[in-house]
N, C-alpha and C. Protein backbone atom coordinates (compact mmCIF):
# COMPACT_ATOMS: atom_id res chain seq x y z
N MET A 1 2.58 28.40 -21.21
CA MET A 1 3.84 27.29 -20.76
C MET A 1 3.92 25.72 -22.04
N ALA A 2 5.04 24.99 -22.45
CA ALA A 2 5.35 24.23 -23.70
C ALA A 2 4.48 23.29 -22.77
N GLU A 3 4.30 22.38 -23.66
CA GLU A 3 3.67 20.65 -23.30
C GLU A 3 4.68 19.83 -23.62
N ILE A 4 4.45 19.21 -22.40
CA ILE A 4 5.68 18.08 -22.47
C ILE A 4 5.20 16.81 -22.08
N ASN A 5 5.44 15.71 -23.58
CA ASN A 5 5.01 14.67 -24.26
C ASN A 5 6.08 13.82 -23.74
N VAL A 6 5.66 12.49 -22.28
CA VAL A 6 5.78 11.96 -22.20
C VAL A 6 5.01 10.39 -22.56
N GLU A 7 6.70 9.70 -23.00
CA GLU A 7 5.71 8.69 -23.83
C GLU A 7 5.74 7.07 -23.07
N PRO A 8 5.45 6.61 -22.65
CA PRO A 8 5.31 5.26 -22.30
C PRO A 8 6.84 4.41 -23.17
N LYS A 9 7.87 3.12 -22.20
CA LYS A 9 9.00 2.95 -22.81
C LYS A 9 8.48 2.04 -23.37
N LYS A 10 9.63 1.68 -24.66
CA LYS A 10 8.47 0.32 -24.92
C LYS A 10 9.15 -0.75 -24.80
N ARG A 11 8.72 -1.79 -24.74
CA ARG A 11 8.91 -3.48 -24.14
C ARG A 11 10.38 -3.54 -25.24
N SER A 12 11.04 -4.45 -24.60
CA SER A 12 12.44 -4.89 -25.81
C SER A 12 12.01 -6.44 -25.83
N GLY A 13 12.70 -5.92 -27.18
CA GLY A 13 12.29 -7.47 -28.03
C GLY A 13 13.14 -9.00 -27.36
N TRP A 14 13.83 -8.24 -26.62
CA TRP A 14 14.28 -9.85 -26.13
C TRP A 14 14.05 -10.91 -25.28
N VAL A 15 12.84 -10.23 -24.50
CA VAL A 15 12.12 -10.52 -23.75
C VAL A 15 10.60 -11.76 -24.66
N TRP A 16 10.53 -11.90 -25.50
CA TRP A 16 9.94 -12.72 -26.29
C TRP A 16 10.71 -13.51 -27.24
N ILE A 17 12.46 -12.90 -27.03
CA ILE A 17 12.99 -13.90 -28.12
C ILE A 17 13.24 -14.91 -27.09
N ILE A 18 13.47 -14.81 -25.59
CA ILE A 18 14.00 -15.76 -24.21
C ILE A 18 12.46 -16.31 -24.47
N VAL A 19 11.18 -16.26 -24.49
CA VAL A 19 10.19 -16.90 -24.15
C VAL A 19 10.05 -17.87 -25.10
N VAL A 20 10.04 -17.04 -26.15
CA VAL A 20 10.19 -18.25 -27.46
C VAL A 20 10.82 -19.67 -27.42
N LEU A 21 12.45 -19.11 -27.15
CA LEU A 21 13.47 -20.04 -27.04
C LEU A 21 13.48 -20.82 -25.67
N ALA A 22 12.21 -20.50 -24.58
CA ALA A 22 11.85 -21.49 -24.01
C ALA A 22 11.38 -21.83 -24.60
N LEU A 23 9.92 -21.73 -24.81
CA LEU A 23 9.32 -23.00 -25.63
C LEU A 23 9.78 -23.90 -26.67
N ILE A 24 10.58 -23.75 -27.30
CA ILE A 24 11.43 -24.27 -28.08
C ILE A 24 11.88 -25.63 -27.31
N LEU A 25 12.41 -25.32 -26.53
CA LEU A 25 13.23 -25.60 -25.73
C LEU A 25 12.24 -27.51 -24.59
N ILE A 26 11.41 -26.98 -24.37
CA ILE A 26 10.45 -27.23 -23.11
C ILE A 26 9.76 -27.95 -24.83
N GLY A 27 9.10 -27.63 -25.64
CA GLY A 27 8.68 -29.06 -26.79
C GLY A 27 9.12 -30.39 -26.83
N TRP A 28 10.80 -29.59 -27.48
CA TRP A 28 12.08 -30.76 -27.43
C TRP A 28 11.94 -31.40 -26.80
N LEU A 29 11.85 -31.02 -25.39
CA LEU A 29 11.97 -31.66 -24.28
C LEU A 29 10.87 -33.11 -24.04
N LEU A 30 9.48 -32.58 -24.55
CA LEU A 30 8.40 -33.37 -24.59
C LEU A 30 8.41 -33.88 -25.67
N TYR A 31 8.93 -33.69 -26.69
CA TYR A 31 9.15 -34.64 -27.88
C TYR A 31 10.09 -35.68 -27.95
N VAL A 32 11.17 -35.07 -26.90
CA VAL A 32 12.76 -36.26 -26.38
C VAL A 32 11.96 -36.94 -25.53
N TYR A 33 11.14 -36.97 -25.07
CA TYR A 33 10.08 -37.79 -23.53
C TYR A 33 9.81 -39.05 -24.07
N VAL A 34 8.17 -37.90 -24.87
CA VAL A 34 7.25 -38.78 -24.89
C VAL A 34 7.52 -39.88 -26.20
N PHE A 35 8.08 -39.07 -27.13
CA PHE A 35 7.62 -39.58 -29.02
C PHE A 35 9.45 -40.42 -29.01
N GLN A 36 10.04 -40.06 -28.31
CA GLN A 36 12.36 -41.09 -29.00
C GLN A 36 11.63 -42.16 -28.18
N ASN A 37 11.77 -41.50 -26.80
CA ASN A 37 12.07 -43.09 -25.22
C ASN A 37 11.14 -44.23 -25.60
N ALA A 38 9.78 -43.57 -26.14
CA ALA A 38 8.58 -45.13 -26.21
C ALA A 38 9.61 -46.04 -27.59
N GLN A 39 10.07 -45.47 -28.50
CA GLN A 39 10.34 -46.36 -29.70
C GLN A 39 11.88 -46.75 -28.55
N GLY A 40 12.40 -46.79 -28.10
CA GLY A 40 13.81 -46.82 -27.90
C GLY A 40 13.88 -48.83 -27.00
N GLY A 41 12.83 -48.87 -26.99
CA GLY A 41 13.07 -50.20 -26.21
C GLY A 41 12.95 -50.18 -24.32
N ASP A 42 13.01 -49.25 -24.19
CA ASP A 42 12.93 -49.06 -22.92
C ASP A 42 11.86 -50.04 -22.60
N ALA A 43 11.60 -51.00 -21.73
CA ALA A 43 10.78 -51.93 -20.94
C ALA A 43 9.89 -50.80 -20.36
N GLU A 44 10.36 -50.31 -19.70
CA GLU A 44 9.37 -49.16 -18.35
C GLU A 44 8.90 -48.00 -19.19
N MET A 45 9.58 -47.72 -20.47
CA MET A 45 8.69 -47.31 -21.29
C MET A 45 8.09 -47.38 -21.97
N THR A 46 7.99 -48.12 -22.96
CA THR A 46 6.45 -49.06 -23.50
C THR A 46 5.68 -49.95 -23.11
N GLY A 47 6.29 -50.38 -21.99
CA GLY A 47 5.01 -51.07 -21.22
C GLY A 47 5.29 -52.81 -22.44
N THR A 48 6.22 -52.96 -22.51
CA THR A 48 6.39 -54.56 -22.69
C THR A 48 6.57 -55.55 -22.22
N PRO A 49 5.73 -56.74 -22.18
CA PRO A 49 6.03 -58.10 -21.20
C PRO A 49 6.99 -58.45 -20.92
N THR A 50 7.69 -58.83 -19.92
CA THR A 50 9.30 -58.73 -20.00
C THR A 50 9.26 -60.53 -19.40
N SER A 51 8.61 -60.65 -19.21
CA SER A 51 8.24 -62.52 -18.69
C SER A 51 8.43 -63.25 -19.79
N GLY A 52 7.59 -62.90 -21.28
CA GLY A 52 7.96 -64.19 -22.24
C GLY A 52 6.95 -64.56 -22.45
N MET A 53 5.71 -64.31 -21.26
CA MET A 53 4.50 -65.34 -21.42
C MET A 53 3.21 -64.49 -22.20
N ILE A 54 3.50 -65.73 -24.05
CA ILE A 54 2.37 -64.55 -24.19
C ILE A 54 0.51 -65.64 -23.88
N LEU A 55 0.03 -64.36 -23.89
CA LEU A 55 -1.47 -65.10 -23.50
C LEU A 55 -2.41 -64.44 -24.01
N PRO A 56 -3.51 -65.57 -24.98
CA PRO A 56 -4.00 -65.32 -26.41
C PRO A 56 -5.44 -64.31 -25.35
N LEU A 57 -5.78 -63.39 -26.31
CA LEU A 57 -6.95 -62.13 -27.05
C LEU A 57 -8.22 -63.09 -25.80
N VAL A 58 -8.49 -64.04 -26.61
CA VAL A 58 -9.59 -64.80 -26.18
C VAL A 58 -9.84 -66.09 -25.48
N PRO A 59 -10.40 -65.95 -24.56
CA PRO A 59 -10.22 -67.66 -23.50
C PRO A 59 -10.56 -68.89 -24.14
N THR A 60 -9.75 -69.66 -23.69
CA THR A 60 -9.07 -71.16 -24.79
C THR A 60 -11.07 -71.52 -24.29
N PHE A 61 -11.77 -71.64 -23.80
CA PHE A 61 -12.80 -71.69 -23.94
C PHE A 61 -13.81 -71.93 -25.14
N LEU A 62 -13.72 -70.37 -25.50
CA LEU A 62 -14.47 -69.98 -26.45
C LEU A 62 -13.98 -69.91 -27.85
N THR A 63 -13.21 -70.36 -27.89
CA THR A 63 -12.31 -70.52 -29.15
C THR A 63 -13.26 -72.40 -29.72
N LEU A 64 -12.61 -72.57 -30.80
CA LEU A 64 -13.55 -73.90 -31.41
C LEU A 64 -12.14 -74.98 -31.37
């Protein structure tokens, strides 16, 4: 009788390319959301006070 070699099918390289592209896209979106929006001056993103009132860091009764 003859021997039959059954080799498993190789996985396609396209799956890895799609996974890498998806990770790059997610990383870019996180970069834009976290770093660029925080520098943009949007009050909701930067947490800057919008009232214009400046409060001292030290209470006035502790100053000389």
